[in-house]
């Protein structure tokens, strides 16, 4: 078994994120010892918003969502998510 480096203490989440993005984590963590864990009741926190869209745009969204057999609100969330991921 190889000797792992000690994980440093971090002053902030930003500092920790920058550290893990710049190092090879396998020198600090033995991934072979990890165990699979599930959180079946974990739900994302959602917050309702009001968004005003032109009626024609909503109609187009509903048509596209119907073709995909999903609610149009789910299509809007998917489009926003995909746009942010770029």
N, C-alpha and C. Protein backbone atom coordinates (compact mmCIF):
# COMPACT_ATOMS: atom_id res chain seq x y z
N UNK A 1 0.85 -1.20 0.00
CA UNK A 1 0.00 0.00 0.00
C UNK A 1 0.88 1.25 0.00
N UNK A 2 0.58 2.19 -0.88
CA UNK A 2 1.42 3.39 -0.97
C UNK A 2 1.07 4.38 0.12
N UNK A 3 2.03 5.16 0.51
CA UNK A 3 1.84 6.17 1.55
C UNK A 3 1.17 7.39 0.92
N UNK A 4 0.07 7.80 1.53
CA UNK A 4 -0.68 8.95 1.02
C UNK A 4 -0.21 10.23 1.67
N UNK A 5 -0.32 11.32 0.91
CA UNK A 5 0.01 12.63 1.45
C UNK A 5 -1.13 13.08 2.38
N UNK A 6 -0.80 13.90 3.35
CA UNK A 6 -1.80 14.43 4.28
C UNK A 6 -2.58 15.56 3.59
N UNK A 7 -3.88 15.51 3.72
CA UNK A 7 -4.74 16.56 3.15
C UNK A 7 -4.59 17.80 4.02
N UNK A 8 -4.26 18.94 3.42
CA UNK A 8 -4.07 20.16 4.22
C UNK A 8 -5.40 20.71 4.75
N UNK A 9 -5.30 21.57 5.73
CA UNK A 9 -6.47 22.28 6.26
C UNK A 9 -6.71 23.49 5.36
N UNK A 10 -7.97 23.78 5.10
CA UNK A 10 -8.31 24.88 4.20
C UNK A 10 -9.04 25.97 4.97
N UNK A 11 -8.76 27.21 4.61
CA UNK A 11 -9.40 28.36 5.26
C UNK A 11 -10.76 28.68 4.66
N UNK A 12 -10.97 28.21 3.42
CA UNK A 12 -12.24 28.50 2.75
C UNK A 12 -12.55 27.40 1.75
N UNK A 13 -13.80 27.34 1.35
CA UNK A 13 -14.22 26.38 0.34
C UNK A 13 -13.54 26.68 -0.99
N UNK A 14 -13.36 27.97 -1.28
CA UNK A 14 -12.68 28.38 -2.51
C UNK A 14 -11.25 27.86 -2.54
N UNK A 15 -10.55 28.00 -1.42
CA UNK A 15 -9.17 27.52 -1.33
C UNK A 15 -9.12 26.00 -1.52
N UNK A 16 -10.07 25.28 -0.93
CA UNK A 16 -10.11 23.83 -1.08
C UNK A 16 -10.38 23.44 -2.53
N UNK A 17 -11.33 24.11 -3.17
CA UNK A 17 -11.67 23.83 -4.57
C UNK A 17 -10.45 24.04 -5.46
N UNK A 18 -9.73 25.14 -5.25
CA UNK A 18 -8.54 25.43 -6.06
C UNK A 18 -7.46 24.37 -5.84
N UNK A 19 -7.33 23.90 -4.60
CA UNK A 19 -6.34 22.87 -4.29
C UNK A 19 -6.65 21.59 -5.07
N UNK A 20 -7.90 21.10 -4.96
CA UNK A 20 -8.26 19.83 -5.59
C UNK A 20 -8.22 19.91 -7.11
N UNK A 21 -8.41 21.11 -7.66
CA UNK A 21 -8.33 21.27 -9.11
C UNK A 21 -6.89 21.28 -9.62
N UNK A 22 -5.93 21.46 -8.71
CA UNK A 22 -4.55 21.60 -9.14
C UNK A 22 -3.66 20.41 -8.77
N UNK A 23 -4.18 19.42 -8.06
CA UNK A 23 -3.36 18.28 -7.65
C UNK A 23 -3.96 16.96 -8.14
N UNK A 24 -3.14 15.92 -8.09
CA UNK A 24 -3.59 14.56 -8.40
C UNK A 24 -4.16 13.98 -7.10
N UNK A 25 -5.46 13.85 -7.03
CA UNK A 25 -6.10 13.42 -5.78
C UNK A 25 -5.72 12.01 -5.36
N UNK A 26 -5.25 11.18 -6.29
CA UNK A 26 -4.87 9.81 -5.92
C UNK A 26 -3.63 9.79 -5.02
N UNK A 27 -2.94 10.91 -4.91
CA UNK A 27 -1.80 10.99 -3.99
C UNK A 27 -2.27 11.32 -2.58
N UNK A 28 -3.55 11.66 -2.43
CA UNK A 28 -4.11 12.05 -1.14
C UNK A 28 -5.23 11.12 -0.65
N UNK A 29 -5.87 10.42 -1.58
CA UNK A 29 -7.04 9.60 -1.25
C UNK A 29 -6.89 8.22 -1.87
N UNK A 30 -7.20 7.18 -1.08
CA UNK A 30 -7.19 5.81 -1.59
C UNK A 30 -8.63 5.46 -1.99
N UNK A 31 -8.92 5.57 -3.27
CA UNK A 31 -10.28 5.37 -3.75
C UNK A 31 -10.74 3.92 -3.66
N UNK A 32 -9.81 3.00 -3.51
CA UNK A 32 -10.17 1.58 -3.39
C UNK A 32 -10.90 1.28 -2.09
N UNK A 33 -10.75 2.14 -1.11
CA UNK A 33 -11.40 1.92 0.19
C UNK A 33 -12.80 2.54 0.26
N UNK A 34 -13.20 3.24 -0.77
CA UNK A 34 -14.51 3.89 -0.76
C UNK A 34 -15.63 2.86 -0.77
N UNK A 35 -16.72 3.20 -0.12
CA UNK A 35 -17.90 2.36 -0.11
C UNK A 35 -19.04 3.11 -0.80
N UNK A 36 -19.87 2.36 -1.51
CA UNK A 36 -21.01 2.95 -2.21
C UNK A 36 -22.08 3.33 -1.18
N UNK A 37 -22.57 4.57 -1.27
CA UNK A 37 -23.59 5.06 -0.35
C UNK A 37 -24.71 5.67 -1.18
N UNK A 38 -25.94 5.47 -0.74
CA UNK A 38 -27.08 6.07 -1.44
C UNK A 38 -27.84 6.97 -0.48
N UNK A 39 -28.38 8.04 -1.00
CA UNK A 39 -29.23 8.95 -0.25
C UNK A 39 -30.57 9.00 -0.96
N UNK A 40 -31.44 8.01 -0.72
CA UNK A 40 -32.67 7.89 -1.51
C UNK A 40 -33.66 9.03 -1.31
N UNK A 41 -33.62 9.71 -0.17
CA UNK A 41 -34.60 10.77 0.08
C UNK A 41 -34.04 12.16 -0.15
N UNK A 42 -32.85 12.23 -0.72
CA UNK A 42 -32.23 13.52 -0.97
C UNK A 42 -32.91 14.19 -2.16
N UNK A 43 -33.38 15.40 -1.96
CA UNK A 43 -34.05 16.14 -3.02
C UNK A 43 -33.37 17.49 -3.19
N UNK A 44 -33.30 17.95 -4.43
CA UNK A 44 -32.75 19.27 -4.69
C UNK A 44 -33.70 20.32 -4.13
N UNK A 45 -33.14 21.36 -3.60
CA UNK A 45 -33.95 22.47 -3.12
C UNK A 45 -34.40 23.28 -4.33
N UNK A 46 -35.68 23.52 -4.41
CA UNK A 46 -36.20 24.32 -5.52
C UNK A 46 -36.83 25.59 -4.98
N UNK A 47 -36.86 26.58 -5.82
CA UNK A 47 -37.47 27.85 -5.44
C UNK A 47 -38.34 28.30 -6.60
N UNK A 48 -39.61 28.54 -6.34
CA UNK A 48 -40.48 28.98 -7.44
C UNK A 48 -40.14 30.41 -7.86
N UNK A 49 -40.24 30.66 -9.17
CA UNK A 49 -40.01 32.00 -9.70
C UNK A 49 -41.15 32.34 -10.65
N UNK A 50 -41.29 33.61 -10.92
CA UNK A 50 -42.24 34.06 -11.92
C UNK A 50 -41.44 34.53 -13.11
N UNK A 51 -41.80 34.02 -14.28
CA UNK A 51 -41.09 34.36 -15.50
C UNK A 51 -42.12 34.70 -16.56
N UNK A 52 -42.06 35.91 -17.05
CA UNK A 52 -43.02 36.34 -18.07
C UNK A 52 -42.44 36.08 -19.46
N UNK A 53 -43.17 35.29 -20.24
CA UNK A 53 -42.75 34.96 -21.60
C UNK A 53 -43.89 35.27 -22.56
N UNK A 54 -43.55 35.59 -23.80
CA UNK A 54 -44.61 35.82 -24.79
C UNK A 54 -45.46 34.55 -24.96
N UNK A 55 -46.76 34.75 -25.17
CA UNK A 55 -47.69 33.62 -25.30
C UNK A 55 -47.26 32.68 -26.43
N UNK A 56 -46.78 33.24 -27.54
CA UNK A 56 -46.35 32.40 -28.66
C UNK A 56 -45.17 31.52 -28.29
N UNK A 57 -44.27 32.03 -27.46
CA UNK A 57 -43.12 31.24 -27.03
C UNK A 57 -43.57 30.09 -26.14
N UNK A 58 -44.52 30.37 -25.26
CA UNK A 58 -45.05 29.32 -24.38
C UNK A 58 -45.73 28.24 -25.21
N UNK A 59 -46.50 28.66 -26.21
CA UNK A 59 -47.16 27.69 -27.09
C UNK A 59 -46.13 26.81 -27.80
N UNK A 60 -45.04 27.43 -28.30
CA UNK A 60 -43.98 26.66 -28.96
C UNK A 60 -43.32 25.68 -27.99
N UNK A 61 -43.08 26.14 -26.76
CA UNK A 61 -42.50 25.27 -25.74
C UNK A 61 -43.41 24.08 -25.44
N UNK A 62 -44.71 24.35 -25.35
CA UNK A 62 -45.66 23.27 -25.07
C UNK A 62 -45.69 22.25 -26.20
N UNK A 63 -45.59 22.71 -27.44
CA UNK A 63 -45.58 21.79 -28.58
C UNK A 63 -44.33 20.92 -28.55
N UNK A 64 -43.17 21.56 -28.33
CA UNK A 64 -41.91 20.80 -28.26
C UNK A 64 -41.92 19.82 -27.10
N UNK A 65 -42.43 20.25 -25.96
CA UNK A 65 -42.49 19.38 -24.78
C UNK A 65 -43.42 18.20 -25.04
N UNK A 66 -44.55 18.46 -25.72
CA UNK A 66 -45.48 17.38 -26.05
C UNK A 66 -44.82 16.34 -26.94
N UNK A 67 -44.01 16.79 -27.91
CA UNK A 67 -43.28 15.86 -28.78
C UNK A 67 -42.33 14.97 -27.98
N UNK A 68 -41.78 15.53 -26.89
CA UNK A 68 -40.83 14.80 -26.06
C UNK A 68 -41.53 14.05 -24.92
N UNK A 69 -42.85 14.24 -24.82
CA UNK A 69 -43.67 13.62 -23.78
C UNK A 69 -43.20 14.00 -22.37
N UNK A 70 -42.92 15.30 -22.19
CA UNK A 70 -42.55 15.82 -20.87
C UNK A 70 -43.34 17.10 -20.62
N UNK A 71 -43.53 17.50 -19.37
CA UNK A 71 -44.19 18.78 -19.09
C UNK A 71 -43.36 19.95 -19.64
N UNK A 72 -44.02 21.01 -20.06
CA UNK A 72 -43.28 22.11 -20.66
C UNK A 72 -42.37 22.81 -19.66
N UNK A 73 -42.76 22.80 -18.36
CA UNK A 73 -41.88 23.39 -17.35
C UNK A 73 -40.57 22.61 -17.24
N UNK A 74 -40.64 21.28 -17.38
CA UNK A 74 -39.44 20.45 -17.35
C UNK A 74 -38.55 20.77 -18.55
N UNK A 75 -39.16 21.03 -19.70
CA UNK A 75 -38.39 21.41 -20.89
C UNK A 75 -37.69 22.74 -20.66
N UNK A 76 -38.37 23.70 -20.06
CA UNK A 76 -37.75 24.99 -19.77
C UNK A 76 -36.56 24.81 -18.84
N UNK A 77 -36.72 24.00 -17.77
CA UNK A 77 -35.62 23.74 -16.84
C UNK A 77 -34.44 23.08 -17.56
N UNK A 78 -34.75 22.14 -18.44
CA UNK A 78 -33.69 21.45 -19.20
C UNK A 78 -32.95 22.44 -20.08
N UNK A 79 -33.68 23.31 -20.76
CA UNK A 79 -33.05 24.28 -21.65
C UNK A 79 -32.15 25.25 -20.86
N UNK A 80 -32.61 25.68 -19.71
CA UNK A 80 -31.81 26.56 -18.86
C UNK A 80 -30.55 25.82 -18.38
N UNK A 81 -30.73 24.59 -17.91
CA UNK A 81 -29.60 23.79 -17.43
C UNK A 81 -28.57 23.60 -18.55
N UNK A 82 -29.04 23.21 -19.74
CA UNK A 82 -28.13 22.99 -20.87
C UNK A 82 -27.40 24.28 -21.24
N UNK A 83 -28.10 25.39 -21.19
CA UNK A 83 -27.49 26.68 -21.51
C UNK A 83 -26.42 27.06 -20.50
N UNK A 84 -26.66 26.78 -19.23
CA UNK A 84 -25.67 27.09 -18.20
C UNK A 84 -24.46 26.18 -18.25
N UNK A 85 -24.66 24.96 -18.75
CA UNK A 85 -23.57 23.98 -18.79
C UNK A 85 -22.56 24.28 -19.89
N UNK A 86 -22.89 25.16 -20.81
CA UNK A 86 -21.98 25.48 -21.93
C UNK A 86 -20.86 26.37 -21.49
